[in-house]
Amino acid sequence: MGTLTLHRFRRKVRSFEIFEREGLFEKVFGHSTFEVFVLTHSQPRLEQLHRAADQEVSASRKESYALATFDILTKFGDAAWTRLDGSNGTLLYEDSEAEDDGEGDDDGDEGDDNDD
């Protein structure tokens, strides 16, 4: 995995934004918008990428960009991603962290994974 120069990173972010703004993402993928997740090796690099992306992304799309260091991969669910809009959060939806109700799965096979 290589590291993009800040110039190339900004150009890539700008391309993402043009793709979304011109409706090309929706035409190709059937969804009107998307999120971008960026992983990097260090906090100083994260801050550089954050500043670079911030210059290319409109205020209405800043919450769609999340950045973190690779450390987040070992702290899944507990660590926060930094968004361009200044907020922080995990990738999990609140409901995904709810306690298991003990009911098991709902496919009616009582937990048997066999298809017979």
PDB file of N, CA and C in Angstrom:
ATOM      1  N   MET A   1       0.859  -1.176   0.000  1.00  0.00           N
ATOM      2  CA  MET A   1       0.000   0.000   0.000  1.00  0.00           C
ATOM      3  C   MET A   1       0.900   1.231   0.000  1.00  0.00           C
ATOM      4  N   GLY A   2       0.632   2.116  -0.924  1.00  0.00           N
ATOM      5  CA  GLY A   2       1.434   3.321  -1.039  1.00  0.00           C
ATOM      6  C   GLY A   2       0.789   4.514  -0.376  1.00  0.00           C
ATOM      7  N   THR A   3       1.552   5.566  -0.308  1.00  0.00           N
ATOM      8  CA  THR A   3       1.060   6.814   0.258  1.00  0.00           C
ATOM      9  C   THR A   3       0.939   7.838  -0.859  1.00  0.00           C
ATOM     10  N   LEU A   4      -0.236   8.437  -0.975  1.00  0.00           N
ATOM     11  CA  LEU A   4      -0.438   9.480  -1.969  1.00  0.00           C
ATOM     12  C   LEU A   4       0.172  10.788  -1.494  1.00  0.00           C
ATOM     13  N   THR A   5       0.680  11.562  -2.434  1.00  0.00           N
ATOM     14  CA  THR A   5       1.077  12.913  -2.072  1.00  0.00           C
ATOM     15  C   THR A   5      -0.196  13.682  -1.710  1.00  0.00           C
ATOM     16  N   LEU A   6      -0.070  14.756  -0.985  1.00  0.00           N
ATOM     17  CA  LEU A   6      -1.247  15.556  -0.634  1.00  0.00           C
ATOM     18  C   LEU A   6      -1.928  16.097  -1.889  1.00  0.00           C
ATOM     19  N   HIS A   7      -1.155  16.457  -2.884  1.00  0.00           N
ATOM     20  CA  HIS A   7      -1.728  16.940  -4.144  1.00  0.00           C
ATOM     21  C   HIS A   7      -2.600  15.858  -4.788  1.00  0.00           C
ATOM     22  N   ARG A   8      -2.094  14.630  -4.869  1.00  0.00           N
ATOM     23  CA  ARG A   8      -2.873  13.535  -5.463  1.00  0.00           C
ATOM     24  C   ARG A   8      -4.077  13.178  -4.600  1.00  0.00           C
ATOM     25  N   PHE A   9      -3.931  13.242  -3.282  1.00  0.00           N
ATOM     26  CA  PHE A   9      -5.059  12.964  -2.399  1.00  0.00           C
ATOM     27  C   PHE A   9      -6.174  13.988  -2.619  1.00  0.00           C
ATOM     28  N   ARG A  10      -5.797  15.263  -2.671  1.00  0.00           N
ATOM     29  CA  ARG A  10      -6.797  16.317  -2.919  1.00  0.00           C
ATOM     30  C   ARG A  10      -7.483  16.117  -4.260  1.00  0.00           C
ATOM     31  N   ARG A  11      -6.712  15.753  -5.278  1.00  0.00           N
ATOM     32  CA  ARG A  11      -7.292  15.514  -6.595  1.00  0.00           C
ATOM     33  C   ARG A  11      -8.280  14.342  -6.553  1.00  0.00           C
ATOM     34  N   LYS A  12      -7.960  13.298  -5.809  1.00  0.00           N
ATOM     35  CA  LYS A  12      -8.854  12.149  -5.681  1.00  0.00           C
ATOM     36  C   LYS A  12     -10.142  12.564  -4.971  1.00  0.00           C
ATOM     37  N   VAL A  13     -10.025  13.324  -3.878  1.00  0.00           N
ATOM     38  CA  VAL A  13     -11.212  13.793  -3.150  1.00  0.00           C
ATOM     39  C   VAL A  13     -12.052  14.689  -4.053  1.00  0.00           C
ATOM     40  N   ARG A  14     -11.412  15.582  -4.773  1.00  0.00           N
ATOM     41  CA  ARG A  14     -12.128  16.459  -5.697  1.00  0.00           C
ATOM     42  C   ARG A  14     -12.891  15.634  -6.737  1.00  0.00           C
ATOM     43  N   SER A  15     -12.269  14.583  -7.227  1.00  0.00           N
ATOM     44  CA  SER A  15     -12.927  13.704  -8.205  1.00  0.00           C
ATOM     45  C   SER A  15     -14.139  13.012  -7.601  1.00  0.00           C
ATOM     46  N   PHE A  16     -14.005  12.530  -6.361  1.00  0.00           N
ATOM     47  CA  PHE A  16     -15.156  11.925  -5.675  1.00  0.00           C
ATOM     48  C   PHE A  16     -16.318  12.908  -5.613  1.00  0.00           C
ATOM     49  N   GLU A  17     -16.008  14.139  -5.243  1.00  0.00           N
ATOM     50  CA  GLU A  17     -17.055  15.147  -5.065  1.00  0.00           C
ATOM     51  C   GLU A  17     -17.715  15.525  -6.393  1.00  0.00           C
ATOM     52  N   ILE A  18     -16.945  15.611  -7.452  1.00  0.00           N
ATOM     53  CA  ILE A  18     -17.519  15.900  -8.762  1.00  0.00           C
ATOM     54  C   ILE A  18     -18.411  14.737  -9.195  1.00  0.00           C
ATOM     55  N   PHE A  19     -17.956  13.520  -8.985  1.00  0.00           N
ATOM     56  CA  PHE A  19     -18.719  12.321  -9.324  1.00  0.00           C
ATOM     57  C   PHE A  19     -20.073  12.320  -8.622  1.00  0.00           C
ATOM     58  N   GLU A  20     -20.089  12.711  -7.359  1.00  0.00           N
ATOM     59  CA  GLU A  20     -21.342  12.766  -6.592  1.00  0.00           C
ATOM     60  C   GLU A  20     -22.201  13.952  -7.036  1.00  0.00           C
ATOM     61  N   ARG A  21     -21.607  15.124  -7.140  1.00  0.00           N
ATOM     62  CA  ARG A  21     -22.336  16.356  -7.460  1.00  0.00           C
ATOM     63  C   ARG A  21     -22.991  16.303  -8.845  1.00  0.00           C
ATOM     64  N   GLU A  22     -22.326  15.685  -9.797  1.00  0.00           N
ATOM     65  CA  GLU A  22     -22.844  15.602 -11.164  1.00  0.00           C
ATOM     66  C   GLU A  22     -23.868  14.480 -11.339  1.00  0.00           C
ATOM     67  N   GLY A  23     -24.148  13.743 -10.271  1.00  0.00           N
ATOM     68  CA  GLY A  23     -25.137  12.677 -10.342  1.00  0.00           C
ATOM     69  C   GLY A  23     -24.627  11.382 -10.949  1.00  0.00           C
ATOM     70  N   LEU A  24     -23.325  11.304 -11.178  1.00  0.00           N
ATOM     71  CA  LEU A  24     -22.762  10.107 -11.795  1.00  0.00           C
ATOM     72  C   LEU A  24     -22.776   8.916 -10.837  1.00  0.00           C
ATOM     73  N   PHE A  25     -22.563   9.161  -9.567  1.00  0.00           N
ATOM     74  CA  PHE A  25     -22.607   8.070  -8.599  1.00  0.00           C
ATOM     75  C   PHE A  25     -23.988   7.422  -8.594  1.00  0.00           C
ATOM     76  N   GLU A  26     -25.020   8.253  -8.587  1.00  0.00           N
ATOM     77  CA  GLU A  26     -26.387   7.725  -8.589  1.00  0.00           C
ATOM     78  C   GLU A  26     -26.677   6.970  -9.887  1.00  0.00           C
ATOM     79  N   LYS A  27     -26.217   7.507 -10.991  1.00  0.00           N
ATOM     80  CA  LYS A  27     -26.453   6.851 -12.281  1.00  0.00           C
ATOM     81  C   LYS A  27     -25.783   5.478 -12.325  1.00  0.00           C
ATOM     82  N   VAL A  28     -24.580   5.382 -11.810  1.00  0.00           N
ATOM     83  CA  VAL A  28     -23.823   4.127 -11.865  1.00  0.00           C
ATOM     84  C   VAL A  28     -24.252   3.137 -10.782  1.00  0.00           C
ATOM     85  N   PHE A  29     -24.445   3.641  -9.549  1.00  0.00           N
ATOM     86  CA  PHE A  29     -24.665   2.744  -8.419  1.00  0.00           C
ATOM     87  C   PHE A  29     -26.093   2.754  -7.864  1.00  0.00           C
ATOM     88  N   GLY A  30     -26.919   3.685  -8.313  1.00  0.00           N
ATOM     89  CA  GLY A  30     -28.305   3.710  -7.857  1.00  0.00           C
ATOM     90  C   GLY A  30     -28.517   4.330  -6.491  1.00  0.00           C
ATOM     91  N   HIS A  31     -27.511   4.970  -5.950  1.00  0.00           N
ATOM     92  CA  HIS A  31     -27.619   5.682  -4.672  1.00  0.00           C
ATOM     93  C   HIS A  31     -27.179   7.119  -4.893  1.00  0.00           C
ATOM     94  N   SER A  32     -27.772   8.032  -4.152  1.00  0.00           N
ATOM     95  CA  SER A  32     -27.484   9.443  -4.414  1.00  0.00           C
ATOM     96  C   SER A  32     -26.202   9.938  -3.765  1.00  0.00           C
ATOM     97  N   THR A  33     -25.701   9.236  -2.781  1.00  0.00           N
ATOM     98  CA  THR A  33     -24.510   9.713  -2.082  1.00  0.00           C
ATOM     99  C   THR A  33     -23.713   8.536  -1.547  1.00  0.00           C
ATOM    100  N   PHE A  34     -22.544   8.827  -1.027  1.00  0.00           N
ATOM    101  CA  PHE A  34     -21.655   7.791  -0.499  1.00  0.00           C
ATOM    102  C   PHE A  34     -20.788   8.378   0.604  1.00  0.00           C
ATOM    103  N   GLU A  35     -20.158   7.494   1.356  1.00  0.00           N
ATOM    104  CA  GLU A  35     -19.224   7.908   2.388  1.00  0.00           C
ATOM    105  C   GLU A  35     -17.817   7.494   1.972  1.00  0.00           C
ATOM    106  N   VAL A  36     -16.833   8.230   2.474  1.00  0.00           N
ATOM    107  CA  VAL A  36     -15.438   7.951   2.183  1.00  0.00           C
ATOM    108  C   VAL A  36     -14.720   7.722   3.510  1.00  0.00           C
ATOM    109  N   PHE A  37     -14.003   6.607   3.602  1.00  0.00           N
ATOM    110  CA  PHE A  37     -13.245   6.270   4.806  1.00  0.00           C
ATOM    111  C   PHE A  37     -11.773   6.202   4.440  1.00  0.00           C
ATOM    112  N   VAL A  38     -10.958   6.917   5.203  1.00  0.00           N
ATOM    113  CA  VAL A  38      -9.535   7.014   4.921  1.00  0.00           C
ATOM    114  C   VAL A  38      -8.764   6.502   6.132  1.00  0.00           C
ATOM    115  N   LEU A  39      -7.866   5.557   5.888  1.00  0.00           N
ATOM    116  CA  LEU A  39      -6.970   5.059   6.926  1.00  0.00           C
ATOM    117  C   LEU A  39      -5.560   5.509   6.607  1.00  0.00           C
ATOM    118  N   THR A  40      -4.825   5.879   7.638  1.00  0.00           N
ATOM    119  CA  THR A  40      -3.444   6.305   7.458  1.00  0.00           C
ATOM    120  C   THR A  40      -2.602   5.802   8.627  1.00  0.00           C
ATOM    121  N   HIS A  41      -1.289   5.958   8.517  1.00  0.00           N
ATOM    122  CA  HIS A  41      -0.364   5.353   9.472  1.00  0.00           C
ATOM    123  C   HIS A  41      -0.106   6.161  10.740  1.00  0.00           C
ATOM    124  N   SER A  42      -0.366   7.458  10.740  1.00  0.00           N
ATOM    125  CA  SER A  42      -0.024   8.249  11.931  1.00  0.00           C
ATOM    126  C   SER A  42      -0.990   9.417  12.125  1.00  0.00           C
ATOM    127  N   GLN A  43      -1.011   9.919  13.334  1.00  0.00           N
ATOM    128  CA  GLN A  43      -1.862  11.071  13.645  1.00  0.00           C
ATOM    129  C   GLN A  43      -1.447  12.321  12.865  1.00  0.00           C
ATOM    130  N   PRO A  44      -0.138  12.598  12.737  1.00  0.00           N
ATOM    131  CA  PRO A  44       0.239  13.769  11.929  1.00  0.00           C
ATOM    132  C   PRO A  44      -0.222  13.651  10.476  1.00  0.00           C
ATOM    133  N   ARG A  45      -0.118  12.466   9.899  1.00  0.00           N
ATOM    134  CA  ARG A  45      -0.583  12.269   8.518  1.00  0.00           C
ATOM    135  C   ARG A  45      -2.100  12.408   8.445  1.00  0.00           C
ATOM    136  N   LEU A  46      -2.810  11.891   9.437  1.00  0.00           N
ATOM    137  CA  LEU A  46      -4.264  12.038   9.483  1.00  0.00           C
ATOM    138  C   LEU A  46      -4.631  13.527   9.466  1.00  0.00           C
ATOM    139  N   GLU A  47      -3.936  14.322  10.245  1.00  0.00           N
ATOM    140  CA  GLU A  47      -4.221  15.760  10.299  1.00  0.00           C
ATOM    141  C   GLU A  47      -3.945  16.424   8.952  1.00  0.00           C
ATOM    142  N   GLN A  48      -2.872  16.007   8.260  1.00  0.00           N
ATOM    143  CA  GLN A  48      -2.584  16.550   6.933  1.00  0.00           C
ATOM    144  C   GLN A  48      -3.702  16.204   5.946  1.00  0.00           C
ATOM    145  N   LEU A  49      -4.134  14.948   5.957  1.00  0.00           N
ATOM    146  CA  LEU A  49      -5.186  14.507   5.046  1.00  0.00           C
ATOM    147  C   LEU A  49      -6.508  15.190   5.369  1.00  0.00           C
ATOM    148  N   HIS A  50      -6.764  15.383   6.650  1.00  0.00           N
ATOM    149  CA  HIS A  50      -7.993  16.064   7.081  1.00  0.00           C
ATOM    150  C   HIS A  50      -8.022  17.481   6.512  1.00  0.00           C
ATOM    151  N   ARG A  51      -6.919  18.205   6.663  1.00  0.00           N
ATOM    152  CA  ARG A  51      -6.851  19.577   6.132  1.00  0.00           C
ATOM    153  C   ARG A  51      -6.996  19.594   4.610  1.00  0.00           C
ATOM    154  N   ALA A  52      -6.353  18.656   3.946  1.00  0.00           N
ATOM    155  CA  ALA A  52      -6.417  18.607   2.480  1.00  0.00           C
ATOM    156  C   ALA A  52      -7.838  18.326   2.000  1.00  0.00           C
ATOM    157  N   ALA A  53      -8.493  17.332   2.593  1.00  0.00           N
ATOM    158  CA  ALA A  53      -9.858  16.990   2.193  1.00  0.00           C
ATOM    159  C   ALA A  53     -10.822  18.114   2.536  1.00  0.00           C
ATOM    160  N   ASP A  54     -10.600  18.751   3.659  1.00  0.00           N
ATOM    161  CA  ASP A  54     -11.478  19.827   4.105  1.00  0.00           C
ATOM    162  C   ASP A  54     -11.551  20.955   3.080  1.00  0.00           C
ATOM    163  N   GLN A  55     -10.468  21.176   2.352  1.00  0.00           N
ATOM    164  CA  GLN A  55     -10.436  22.225   1.345  1.00  0.00           C
ATOM    165  C   GLN A  55     -11.225  21.860   0.086  1.00  0.00           C
ATOM    166  N   GLU A  56     -11.504  20.580  -0.110  1.00  0.00           N
ATOM    167  CA  GLU A  56     -12.162  20.119  -1.337  1.00  0.00           C
ATOM    168  C   GLU A  56     -13.633  19.766  -1.154  1.00  0.00           C
ATOM    169  N   VAL A  57     -14.075  19.585   0.072  1.00  0.00           N
ATOM    170  CA  VAL A  57     -15.413  19.046   0.331  1.00  0.00           C
ATOM    171  C   VAL A  57     -16.337  20.155   0.828  1.00  0.00           C
ATOM    172  N   SER A  58     -17.528  20.233   0.250  1.00  0.00           N
ATOM    173  CA  SER A  58     -18.503  21.243   0.678  1.00  0.00           C
ATOM    174  C   SER A  58     -19.002  20.943   2.089  1.00  0.00           C
ATOM    175  N   ALA A  59     -19.499  21.961   2.744  1.00  0.00           N
ATOM    176  CA  ALA A  59     -19.983  21.818   4.121  1.00  0.00           C
ATOM    177  C   ALA A  59     -21.052  20.738   4.238  1.00  0.00           C
ATOM    178  N   SER A  60     -21.903  20.614   3.246  1.00  0.00           N
ATOM    179  CA  SER A  60     -22.995  19.636   3.309  1.00  0.00           C
ATOM    180  C   SER A  60     -22.512  18.194   3.182  1.00  0.00           C
ATOM    181  N   ARG A  61     -21.283  17.985   2.729  1.00  0.00           N
ATOM    182  CA  ARG A  61     -20.750  16.626   2.545  1.00  0.00           C
ATOM    183  C   ARG A  61     -19.679  16.252   3.558  1.00  0.00           C
ATOM    184  N   LYS A  62     -19.299  17.179   4.424  1.00  0.00           N
ATOM    185  CA  LYS A  62     -18.184  16.914   5.346  1.00  0.00           C
ATOM    186  C   LYS A  62     -18.441  15.735   6.277  1.00  0.00           C
ATOM    187  N   GLU A  63     -19.700  15.509   6.652  1.00  0.00           N
ATOM    188  CA  GLU A  63     -19.978  14.369   7.537  1.00  0.00           C
ATOM    189  C   GLU A  63     -19.821  13.036   6.801  1.00  0.00           C
ATOM    190  N   SER A  64     -19.689  13.065   5.490  1.00  0.00           N
ATOM    191  CA  SER A  64     -19.538  11.850   4.690  1.00  0.00           C
ATOM    192  C   SER A  64     -18.102  11.364   4.609  1.00  0.00           C
ATOM    193  N   TYR A  65     -17.181  12.092   5.183  1.00  0.00           N
ATOM    194  CA  TYR A  65     -15.772  11.717   5.169  1.00  0.00           C
ATOM    195  C   TYR A  65     -15.315  11.406   6.584  1.00  0.00           C
ATOM    196  N   ALA A  66     -14.706  10.237   6.765  1.00  0.00           N
ATOM    197  CA  ALA A  66     -14.204   9.823   8.071  1.00  0.00           C
ATOM    198  C   ALA A  66     -12.759   9.357   7.920  1.00  0.00           C
ATOM    199  N   LEU A  67     -11.920   9.787   8.846  1.00  0.00           N
ATOM    200  CA  LEU A  67     -10.503   9.448   8.802  1.00  0.00           C
ATOM    201  C   LEU A  67     -10.079   8.835  10.135  1.00  0.00           C
ATOM    202  N   ALA A  68      -9.101   7.927  10.066  1.00  0.00           N
ATOM    203  CA  ALA A  68      -8.562   7.305  11.278  1.00  0.00           C
ATOM    204  C   ALA A  68      -7.182   6.744  10.963  1.00  0.00           C
ATOM    205  N   THR A  69      -6.446   6.426  12.004  1.00  0.00           N
ATOM    206  CA  THR A  69      -5.185   5.711  11.819  1.00  0.00           C
ATOM    207  C   THR A  69      -5.476   4.219  11.834  1.00  0.00           C
ATOM    208  N   PHE A  70      -4.522   3.431  11.379  1.00  0.00           N
ATOM    209  CA  PHE A  70      -4.700   1.985  11.335  1.00  0.00           C
ATOM    210  C   PHE A  70      -4.967   1.391  12.716  1.00  0.00           C
ATOM    211  N   ASP A  71      -4.614   2.108  13.770  1.00  0.00           N
ATOM    212  CA  ASP A  71      -4.880   1.629  15.130  1.00  0.00           C
ATOM    213  C   ASP A  71      -6.351   1.326  15.350  1.00  0.00           C
ATOM    214  N   ILE A  72      -7.205   2.009  14.631  1.00  0.00           N
ATOM    215  CA  ILE A  72      -8.646   1.814  14.819  1.00  0.00           C
ATOM    216  C   ILE A  72      -9.068   0.376  14.493  1.00  0.00           C
ATOM    217  N   LEU A  73      -8.300  -0.299  13.661  1.00  0.00           N
ATOM    218  CA  LEU A  73      -8.643  -1.662  13.267  1.00  0.00           C
ATOM    219  C   LEU A  73      -8.486  -2.654  14.416  1.00  0.00           C
ATOM    220  N   THR A  74      -7.683  -2.318  15.397  1.00  0.00           N
ATOM    221  CA  THR A  74      -7.517  -3.203  16.555  1.00  0.00           C
ATOM    222  C   THR A  74      -8.448  -2.822  17.698  1.00  0.00           C
ATOM    223  N   LYS A  75      -9.190  -1.746  17.526  1.00  0.00           N
ATOM    224  CA  LYS A  75     -10.098  -1.255  18.567  1.00  0.00           C
ATOM    225  C   LYS A  75     -11.517  -1.160  18.017  1.00  0.00           C
ATOM    226  N   PHE A  76     -11.903  -2.092  17.164  1.00  0.00           N
ATOM    227  CA  PHE A  76     -13.185  -2.021  16.474  1.00  0.00           C
ATOM    228  C   PHE A  76     -14.329  -1.765  17.448  1.00  0.00           C
ATOM    229  N   GLY A  77     -15.129  -0.768  17.144  1.00  0.00           N
ATOM    230  CA  GLY A  77     -16.293  -0.443  17.957  1.00  0.00           C
ATOM    231  C   GLY A  77     -15.996   0.505  19.096  1.00  0.00           C
ATOM    232  N   ASP A  78     -14.746   0.547  19.558  1.00  0.00           N
ATOM    233  CA  ASP A  78     -14.410   1.397  20.697  1.00  0.00           C
ATOM    234  C   ASP A  78     -13.757   2.713  20.301  1.00  0.00           C
ATOM    235  N   ALA A  79     -13.160   2.755  19.138  1.00  0.00           N
ATOM    236  CA  ALA A  79     -12.429   3.947  18.723  1.00  0.00           C
ATOM    237  C   ALA A  79     -13.292   4.805  17.804  1.00  0.00           C
ATOM    238  N   ALA A  80     -12.982   6.071  17.775  1.00  0.00           N
ATOM    239  CA  ALA A  80     -13.777   7.009  16.990  1.00  0.00           C
ATOM    240  C   ALA A  80     -13.054   7.401  15.706  1.00  0.00           C
ATOM    241  N   TRP A  81     -13.835   7.477  14.635  1.00  0.00           N
ATOM    242  CA  TRP A  81     -13.370   8.038  13.386  1.00  0.00           C
ATOM    243  C   TRP A  81     -13.556   9.550  13.464  1.00  0.00           C
ATOM    244  N   THR A  82     -12.655  10.310  12.878  1.00  0.00           N
ATOM    245  CA  THR A  82     -12.752  11.760  12.832  1.00  0.00           C
ATOM    246  C   THR A  82     -13.395  12.148  11.507  1.00  0.00           C
ATOM    247  N   ARG A  83     -14.473  12.910  11.580  1.00  0.00           N
ATOM    248  CA  ARG A  83     -15.162  13.345  10.363  1.00  0.00           C
ATOM    249  C   ARG A  83     -14.733  14.771  10.020  1.00  0.00           C
ATOM    250  N   LEU A  84     -14.847  15.126   8.763  1.00  0.00           N
ATOM    251  CA  LEU A  84     -14.461  16.470   8.334  1.00  0.00           C
ATOM    252  C   LEU A  84     -15.322  17.551   8.974  1.00  0.00           C
ATOM    253  N   ASP A  85     -16.544  17.198   9.381  1.00  0.00           N
ATOM    254  CA  ASP A  85     -17.422  18.201  10.001  1.00  0.00           C
ATOM    255  C   ASP A  85     -17.083  18.440  11.472  1.00  0.00           C
ATOM    256  N   GLY A  86     -16.037  17.788  11.971  1.00  0.00           N
ATOM    257  CA  GLY A  86     -15.607  17.986  13.353  1.00  0.00           C
ATOM    258  C   GLY A  86     -16.177  16.973  14.331  1.00  0.00           C
ATOM    259  N   SER A  87     -17.111  16.148  13.895  1.00  0.00           N
ATOM    260  CA  SER A  87     -17.689  15.141  14.792  1.00  0.00           C
ATOM    261  C   SER A  87     -16.817  13.892  14.813  1.00  0.00           C
ATOM    262  N   ASN A  88     -17.043  13.077  15.809  1.00  0.00           N
ATOM    263  CA  ASN A  88     -16.356  11.793  15.935  1.00  0.00           C
ATOM    264  C   ASN A  88     -17.391  10.714  16.157  1.00  0.00           C
ATOM    265  N   GLY A  89     -17.101   9.512  15.723  1.00  0.00           N
ATOM    266  CA  GLY A  89     -18.036   8.426  15.956  1.00  0.00           C
ATOM    267  C   GLY A  89     -17.493   7.103  15.466  1.00  0.00           C
ATOM    268  N   THR A  90     -18.217   6.046  15.806  1.00  0.00           N
ATOM    269  CA  THR A  90     -17.855   4.713  15.357  1.00  0.00           C
ATOM    270  C   THR A  90     -18.603   4.411  14.062  1.00  0.00           C
ATOM    271  N   LEU A  91     -18.293   3.293  13.461  1.00  0.00           N
ATOM    272  CA  LEU A  91     -18.985   2.884  12.244  1.00  0.00           C
ATOM    273  C   LEU A  91     -20.240   2.083  12.551  1.00  0.00           C
ATOM    274  N   LEU A  92     -20.410   1.683  13.793  1.00  0.00           N
ATOM    275  CA  LEU A  92     -21.561   0.875  14.164  1.00  0.00           C
ATOM    276  C   LEU A  92     -22.774   1.748  14.419  1.00  0.00           C
ATOM    277  N   TYR A  93     -23.940   1.262  13.992  1.00  0.00           N
ATOM    278  CA  TYR A  93     -25.178   1.944  14.321  1.00  0.00           C
ATOM    279  C   TYR A  93     -25.503   1.652  15.776  1.00  0.00           C
ATOM    280  N   GLU A  94     -26.210   2.565  16.427  1.00  0.00           N
ATOM    281  CA  GLU A  94     -26.537   2.378  17.838  1.00  0.00           C
ATOM    282  C   GLU A  94     -27.212   1.042  18.095  1.00  0.00           C
ATOM    283  N   ASP A  95     -28.159   0.626  17.239  1.00  0.00           N
ATOM    284  CA  ASP A  95     -28.879  -0.625  17.428  1.00  0.00           C
ATOM    285  C   ASP A  95     -27.969  -1.843  17.345  1.00  0.00           C
ATOM    286  N   SER A  96     -26.828  -1.729  16.658  1.00  0.00           N
ATOM    287  CA  SER A  96     -25.949  -2.879  16.509  1.00  0.00           C
ATOM    288  C   SER A  96     -25.247  -3.220  17.811  1.00  0.00           C
ATOM    289  N   GLU A  97     -25.232  -2.306  18.750  1.00  0.00           N
ATOM    290  CA  GLU A  97     -24.569  -2.543  20.016  1.00  0.00           C
ATOM    291  C   GLU A  97     -25.542  -2.981  21.104  1.00  0.00           C
ATOM    292  N   ALA A  98     -26.816  -3.204  20.752  1.00  0.00           N
ATOM    293  CA  ALA A  98     -27.813  -3.630  21.723  1.00  0.00           C
ATOM    294  C   ALA A  98     -27.504  -5.042  22.200  1.00  0.00           C
ATOM    295  N   GLU A  99     -27.924  -5.338  23.410  1.00  0.00           N
ATOM    296  CA  GLU A  99     -27.717  -6.663  23.977  1.00  0.00           C
ATOM    297  C   GLU A  99     -28.492  -7.699  23.184  1.00  0.00           C
ATOM    298  N   ASP A 100     -27.927  -8.896  23.061  1.00  0.00           N
ATOM    299  CA  ASP A 100     -28.607 -10.009  22.412  1.00  0.00           C
ATOM    300  C   ASP A 100     -29.808 -10.389  23.258  1.00  0.00           C
ATOM    301  N   ASP A 101     -30.963 -10.575  22.620  1.00  0.00           N
ATOM    302  CA  ASP A 101     -32.175 -10.891  23.371  1.00  0.00           C
ATOM    303  C   ASP A 101     -32.297 -12.374  23.695  1.00  0.00           C
ATOM    304  N   GLY A 102     -31.324 -13.179  23.269  1.00  0.00           N
ATOM    305  CA  GLY A 102     -31.345 -14.594  23.588  1.00  0.00           C
ATOM    306  C   GLY A 102     -32.298 -15.397  22.731  1.00  0.00           C
ATOM    307  N   GLU A 103     -32.952 -14.757  21.779  1.00  0.00           N
ATOM    308  CA  GLU A 103     -33.939 -15.424  20.948  1.00  0.00           C
ATOM    309  C   GLU A 103     -33.285 -16.269  19.853  1.00  0.00           C
ATOM    310  N   GLY A 104     -32.005 -16.046  19.568  1.00  0.00           N
ATOM    311  CA  GLY A 104     -31.356 -16.777  18.483  1.00  0.00           C
ATOM    312  C   GLY A 104     -31.721 -16.185  17.142  1.00  0.00           C
ATOM    313  N   ASP A 105     -31.442 -16.967  16.091  1.00  0.00           N
ATOM    314  CA  ASP A 105     -31.764 -16.459  14.759  1.00  0.00           C
ATOM    315  C   ASP A 105     -33.233 -16.712  14.447  1.00  0.00           C
ATOM    316  N   ASP A 106     -33.733 -16.081  13.423  1.00  0.00           N
ATOM    317  CA  ASP A 106     -35.155 -16.127  13.103  1.00  0.00           C
ATOM    318  C   ASP A 106     -35.475 -17.018  11.911  1.00  0.00           C
ATOM    319  N   ASP A 107     -34.561 -17.937  11.537  1.00  0.00           N
ATOM    320  CA  ASP A 107     -34.844 -18.734  10.348  1.00  0.00           C
ATOM    321  C   ASP A 107     -35.600 -20.016  10.651  1.00  0.00           C
ATOM    322  N   GLY A 108     -35.950 -20.260  11.918  1.00  0.00           N
ATOM    323  CA  GLY A 108     -36.810 -21.377  12.289  1.00  0.00           C
ATOM    324  C   GLY A 108     -36.108 -22.718  12.343  1.00  0.00           C
ATOM    325  N   ASP A 109     -34.778 -22.755  12.214  1.00  0.00           N
ATOM    326  CA  ASP A 109     -34.125 -24.060  12.232  1.00  0.00           C
ATOM    327  C   ASP A 109     -33.452 -24.344  13.565  1.00  0.00           C
ATOM    328  N   GLU A 110     -33.810 -23.601  14.587  1.00  0.00           N
ATOM    329  CA  GLU A 110     -33.311 -23.841  15.949  1.00  0.00           C
ATOM    330  C   GLU A 110     -31.794 -23.860  16.021  1.00  0.00           C
ATOM    331  N   GLY A 111     -31.128 -23.050  15.203  1.00  0.00           N
ATOM    332  CA  GLY A 111     -29.682 -22.926  15.278  1.00  0.00           C
ATOM    333  C   GLY A 111     -28.915 -23.948  14.462  1.00  0.00           C
ATOM    334  N   ASP A 112     -29.608 -24.905  13.841  1.00  0.00           N
ATOM    335  CA  ASP A 112     -28.960 -25.906  12.996  1.00  0.00           C
ATOM    336  C   ASP A 112     -28.531 -25.240  11.691  1.00  0.00           C
ATOM    337  N   ASP A 113     -27.254 -25.282  11.388  1.00  0.00           N
ATOM    338  CA  ASP A 113     -26.745 -24.643  10.176  1.00  0.00           C
ATOM    339  C   ASP A 113     -26.847 -25.525   8.944  1.00  0.00           C
ATOM    340  N   ASN A 114     -27.347 -26.751   9.103  1.00  0.00           N
ATOM    341  CA  ASN A 114     -27.485 -27.644   7.945  1.00  0.00           C
ATOM    342  C   ASN A 114     -28.716 -27.263   7.140  1.00  0.00           C
ATOM    343  N   ASP A 115     -28.634 -27.452   5.853  1.00  0.00           N
ATOM    344  CA  ASP A 115     -29.746 -27.118   4.963  1.00  0.00           C
ATOM    345  C   ASP A 115     -30.673 -28.283   4.692  1.00  0.00           C
ATOM    346  N   ASP A 116     -30.451 -29.458   5.330  1.00  0.00           N
ATOM    347  CA  ASP A 116     -31.289 -30.621   5.035  1.00  0.00           C
ATOM    348  C   ASP A 116     -32.501 -30.730   5.900  1.00  0.00           C
TER     349      ASP A 116
END
